N, C-alpha and C. Protein backbone atom coordinates (compact mmCIF):
# COMPACT_ATOMS: atom_id res chain seq x y z
N UNK A 1 -112.41 21.36 163.00
CA UNK A 1 -111.10 21.01 162.52
C UNK A 1 -111.21 19.76 161.65
N UNK A 2 -110.30 19.65 160.72
CA UNK A 2 -110.29 18.50 159.82
C UNK A 2 -109.22 17.49 160.24
N UNK A 3 -109.58 16.22 160.11
CA UNK A 3 -108.66 15.13 160.44
C UNK A 3 -108.69 14.11 159.31
N UNK A 4 -107.53 13.61 158.95
CA UNK A 4 -107.41 12.57 157.94
C UNK A 4 -107.28 11.22 158.64
N UNK A 5 -108.13 10.30 158.25
CA UNK A 5 -108.04 8.92 158.71
C UNK A 5 -107.53 8.12 157.52
N UNK A 6 -106.32 7.60 157.65
CA UNK A 6 -105.66 6.88 156.56
C UNK A 6 -105.54 5.42 156.97
N UNK A 7 -106.20 4.57 156.20
CA UNK A 7 -106.28 3.15 156.54
C UNK A 7 -105.73 2.31 155.39
N UNK A 8 -104.97 1.30 155.73
CA UNK A 8 -104.47 0.32 154.75
C UNK A 8 -105.03 -1.04 155.11
N UNK A 9 -105.62 -1.69 154.11
CA UNK A 9 -106.22 -3.01 154.32
C UNK A 9 -105.15 -4.08 154.52
N UNK A 10 -105.51 -5.11 155.24
CA UNK A 10 -104.67 -6.29 155.32
C UNK A 10 -104.66 -6.94 153.94
N UNK A 11 -103.52 -7.43 153.50
CA UNK A 11 -103.48 -8.12 152.21
C UNK A 11 -104.47 -9.29 152.18
N UNK A 12 -105.13 -9.46 151.05
CA UNK A 12 -106.04 -10.57 150.88
C UNK A 12 -107.39 -10.41 151.57
N UNK A 13 -107.72 -9.19 152.01
CA UNK A 13 -108.97 -8.98 152.74
C UNK A 13 -110.01 -8.20 151.94
N UNK A 14 -109.95 -8.24 150.62
CA UNK A 14 -110.93 -7.53 149.81
C UNK A 14 -112.36 -8.01 150.12
N UNK A 15 -112.54 -9.30 150.33
CA UNK A 15 -113.90 -9.79 150.60
C UNK A 15 -114.44 -9.23 151.91
N UNK A 16 -113.57 -9.06 152.91
CA UNK A 16 -114.00 -8.43 154.17
C UNK A 16 -114.51 -7.03 153.89
N UNK A 17 -113.80 -6.28 153.06
CA UNK A 17 -114.21 -4.93 152.69
C UNK A 17 -115.57 -4.97 152.00
N UNK A 18 -115.71 -5.86 151.04
CA UNK A 18 -116.97 -5.94 150.29
C UNK A 18 -118.14 -6.34 151.19
N UNK A 19 -117.90 -7.29 152.10
CA UNK A 19 -118.95 -7.77 152.99
C UNK A 19 -119.38 -6.71 154.00
N UNK A 20 -118.50 -5.79 154.33
CA UNK A 20 -118.75 -4.80 155.38
C UNK A 20 -119.07 -3.42 154.82
N UNK A 21 -119.01 -3.26 153.52
CA UNK A 21 -119.14 -1.94 152.89
C UNK A 21 -120.46 -1.25 153.22
N UNK A 22 -121.58 -1.95 153.19
CA UNK A 22 -122.87 -1.32 153.48
C UNK A 22 -122.91 -0.77 154.91
N UNK A 23 -122.38 -1.52 155.85
CA UNK A 23 -122.34 -1.04 157.25
C UNK A 23 -121.42 0.17 157.38
N UNK A 24 -120.29 0.16 156.69
CA UNK A 24 -119.35 1.29 156.70
C UNK A 24 -120.02 2.54 156.14
N UNK A 25 -120.70 2.41 154.99
CA UNK A 25 -121.37 3.56 154.38
C UNK A 25 -122.52 4.06 155.27
N UNK A 26 -123.21 3.16 155.93
CA UNK A 26 -124.25 3.55 156.88
C UNK A 26 -123.69 4.32 158.05
N UNK A 27 -122.53 3.89 158.55
CA UNK A 27 -121.85 4.58 159.66
C UNK A 27 -121.46 5.99 159.24
N UNK A 28 -120.95 6.13 158.04
CA UNK A 28 -120.60 7.47 157.53
C UNK A 28 -121.83 8.37 157.54
N UNK A 29 -122.93 7.87 157.03
CA UNK A 29 -124.16 8.67 156.97
C UNK A 29 -124.68 8.98 158.36
N UNK A 30 -124.69 7.98 159.22
CA UNK A 30 -125.23 8.12 160.58
C UNK A 30 -124.46 9.12 161.42
N UNK A 31 -123.13 9.10 161.32
CA UNK A 31 -122.31 9.96 162.18
C UNK A 31 -122.27 11.40 161.71
N UNK A 32 -122.39 11.65 160.42
CA UNK A 32 -122.51 13.00 159.89
C UNK A 32 -121.29 13.90 160.00
N UNK A 33 -120.11 13.33 160.21
CA UNK A 33 -118.92 14.17 160.33
C UNK A 33 -117.91 13.95 159.21
N UNK A 34 -118.27 13.14 158.24
CA UNK A 34 -117.35 12.85 157.13
C UNK A 34 -117.49 13.93 156.07
N UNK A 35 -116.38 14.65 155.82
CA UNK A 35 -116.36 15.71 154.80
C UNK A 35 -116.15 15.13 153.41
N UNK A 36 -115.34 14.11 153.32
CA UNK A 36 -115.09 13.41 152.07
C UNK A 36 -114.42 12.08 152.39
N UNK A 37 -114.56 11.12 151.47
CA UNK A 37 -114.00 9.80 151.72
C UNK A 37 -113.93 9.01 150.43
N UNK A 38 -113.05 8.03 150.43
CA UNK A 38 -112.97 7.13 149.29
C UNK A 38 -111.86 6.11 149.50
N UNK A 39 -111.91 5.05 148.70
CA UNK A 39 -110.92 3.98 148.84
C UNK A 39 -109.63 4.28 148.07
N UNK A 40 -108.55 3.72 148.54
CA UNK A 40 -107.32 3.66 147.77
C UNK A 40 -107.46 2.48 146.81
N UNK A 41 -106.85 2.59 145.64
CA UNK A 41 -106.94 1.55 144.62
C UNK A 41 -105.53 1.13 144.21
N UNK A 42 -105.28 -0.15 144.19
CA UNK A 42 -104.03 -0.71 143.66
C UNK A 42 -104.39 -1.89 142.77
N UNK A 43 -103.82 -1.93 141.58
CA UNK A 43 -104.09 -3.02 140.64
C UNK A 43 -105.59 -3.22 140.42
N UNK A 44 -106.33 -2.11 140.40
CA UNK A 44 -107.75 -2.16 140.13
C UNK A 44 -108.63 -2.60 141.29
N UNK A 45 -108.06 -2.81 142.48
CA UNK A 45 -108.84 -3.26 143.63
C UNK A 45 -108.71 -2.29 144.80
N UNK A 46 -109.79 -2.14 145.56
CA UNK A 46 -109.75 -1.33 146.77
C UNK A 46 -108.79 -1.96 147.76
N UNK A 47 -107.98 -1.11 148.40
CA UNK A 47 -106.95 -1.63 149.31
C UNK A 47 -106.76 -0.78 150.55
N UNK A 48 -107.62 0.19 150.76
CA UNK A 48 -107.51 1.06 151.91
C UNK A 48 -108.51 2.19 151.80
N UNK A 49 -108.45 3.12 152.74
CA UNK A 49 -109.41 4.22 152.79
C UNK A 49 -108.74 5.51 153.20
N UNK A 50 -109.25 6.60 152.64
CA UNK A 50 -108.94 7.95 153.11
C UNK A 50 -110.27 8.58 153.49
N UNK A 51 -110.39 8.98 154.74
CA UNK A 51 -111.60 9.63 155.23
C UNK A 51 -111.20 10.95 155.87
N UNK A 52 -111.82 12.03 155.43
CA UNK A 52 -111.58 13.34 156.03
C UNK A 52 -112.76 13.65 156.93
N UNK A 53 -112.48 13.83 158.22
CA UNK A 53 -113.51 14.10 159.22
C UNK A 53 -113.49 15.57 159.60
N UNK A 54 -114.65 16.13 159.85
CA UNK A 54 -114.79 17.49 160.37
C UNK A 54 -115.35 17.38 161.77
N UNK A 55 -114.45 17.45 162.75
CA UNK A 55 -114.84 17.27 164.14
C UNK A 55 -114.00 18.17 165.03
N UNK A 56 -114.32 18.21 166.31
CA UNK A 56 -113.70 19.20 167.20
C UNK A 56 -112.39 18.77 167.85
N UNK A 57 -112.01 17.49 167.72
CA UNK A 57 -110.79 17.07 168.40
C UNK A 57 -110.21 15.80 167.78
N UNK A 58 -108.93 15.61 168.02
CA UNK A 58 -108.27 14.37 167.60
C UNK A 58 -108.91 13.18 168.29
N UNK A 59 -109.29 13.34 169.55
CA UNK A 59 -109.92 12.24 170.28
C UNK A 59 -111.24 11.83 169.62
N UNK A 60 -112.03 12.80 169.17
CA UNK A 60 -113.29 12.49 168.50
C UNK A 60 -113.03 11.80 167.17
N UNK A 61 -112.01 12.24 166.45
CA UNK A 61 -111.66 11.61 165.17
C UNK A 61 -111.18 10.17 165.40
N UNK A 62 -110.38 9.96 166.43
CA UNK A 62 -109.91 8.61 166.74
C UNK A 62 -111.07 7.71 167.15
N UNK A 63 -112.00 8.26 167.92
CA UNK A 63 -113.18 7.49 168.32
C UNK A 63 -114.00 7.09 167.10
N UNK A 64 -114.13 8.00 166.12
CA UNK A 64 -114.85 7.67 164.90
C UNK A 64 -114.14 6.51 164.19
N UNK A 65 -112.82 6.61 164.05
CA UNK A 65 -112.05 5.56 163.38
C UNK A 65 -112.20 4.22 164.11
N UNK A 66 -112.17 4.25 165.42
CA UNK A 66 -112.30 3.02 166.21
C UNK A 66 -113.68 2.40 166.05
N UNK A 67 -114.71 3.22 165.80
CA UNK A 67 -116.07 2.74 165.68
C UNK A 67 -116.47 2.32 164.27
N UNK A 68 -115.60 2.54 163.30
CA UNK A 68 -115.90 2.19 161.91
C UNK A 68 -116.11 0.68 161.79
N UNK A 69 -117.20 0.26 161.16
CA UNK A 69 -117.42 -1.18 160.97
C UNK A 69 -116.27 -1.90 160.26
N UNK A 70 -115.56 -1.22 159.38
CA UNK A 70 -114.38 -1.83 158.77
C UNK A 70 -113.36 -2.21 159.85
N UNK A 71 -113.14 -1.31 160.81
CA UNK A 71 -112.19 -1.61 161.89
C UNK A 71 -112.68 -2.79 162.72
N UNK A 72 -113.98 -2.80 163.04
CA UNK A 72 -114.55 -3.89 163.84
C UNK A 72 -114.43 -5.24 163.13
N UNK A 73 -114.46 -5.21 161.79
CA UNK A 73 -114.36 -6.44 161.00
C UNK A 73 -112.92 -6.92 160.86
N UNK A 74 -111.97 -6.14 161.35
CA UNK A 74 -110.56 -6.54 161.25
C UNK A 74 -109.96 -6.32 159.88
N UNK A 75 -110.52 -5.38 159.11
CA UNK A 75 -110.05 -5.15 157.74
C UNK A 75 -108.67 -4.53 157.68
N UNK A 76 -108.35 -3.65 158.61
CA UNK A 76 -107.17 -2.80 158.45
C UNK A 76 -105.89 -3.39 159.01
N UNK A 77 -104.83 -3.22 158.23
CA UNK A 77 -103.48 -3.54 158.69
C UNK A 77 -102.93 -2.38 159.51
N UNK A 78 -103.28 -1.14 159.09
CA UNK A 78 -102.84 0.04 159.82
C UNK A 78 -103.86 1.15 159.68
N UNK A 79 -103.92 2.00 160.71
CA UNK A 79 -104.80 3.17 160.72
C UNK A 79 -104.03 4.31 161.36
N UNK A 80 -104.03 5.47 160.71
CA UNK A 80 -103.48 6.66 161.33
C UNK A 80 -104.51 7.77 161.26
N UNK A 81 -104.54 8.58 162.31
CA UNK A 81 -105.46 9.71 162.38
C UNK A 81 -104.61 10.93 162.70
N UNK A 82 -104.70 11.94 161.84
CA UNK A 82 -103.89 13.13 162.03
C UNK A 82 -104.65 14.37 161.59
N UNK A 83 -104.37 15.48 162.22
CA UNK A 83 -105.00 16.73 161.81
C UNK A 83 -104.58 17.04 160.38
N UNK A 84 -105.49 17.60 159.63
CA UNK A 84 -105.27 17.88 158.20
C UNK A 84 -105.75 19.28 157.88
N UNK A 85 -105.02 19.99 157.06
CA UNK A 85 -105.39 21.33 156.67
C UNK A 85 -105.69 21.38 155.18
N UNK A 86 -106.91 21.76 154.83
CA UNK A 86 -107.29 21.90 153.44
C UNK A 86 -106.68 23.19 152.91
N UNK A 87 -105.97 23.10 151.78
CA UNK A 87 -105.34 24.26 151.17
C UNK A 87 -105.93 24.52 149.79
N UNK A 88 -106.17 23.49 149.03
CA UNK A 88 -106.67 23.63 147.67
C UNK A 88 -107.91 22.76 147.49
N UNK A 89 -108.89 23.27 146.78
CA UNK A 89 -110.05 22.46 146.44
C UNK A 89 -111.26 22.70 147.29
């Protein structure tokens, strides 16, 4: 099943994102359940994330989100995890 992890950064925390990016990308590679991912952009700067996970349960998707190095670094103002259905693309 697919789950969307939608994260919004705390204002003024771009440096936290930049400092933690390598660990975040390593986590994506290590866990192997990310179908697609990328940052949200506002005014030319990264300000959040959309991550689509392919996993067996909402609990597993939430656990992935909780374990993300970005979350551990305190980057996010908000995080939501919800089941997602691919229709196009």
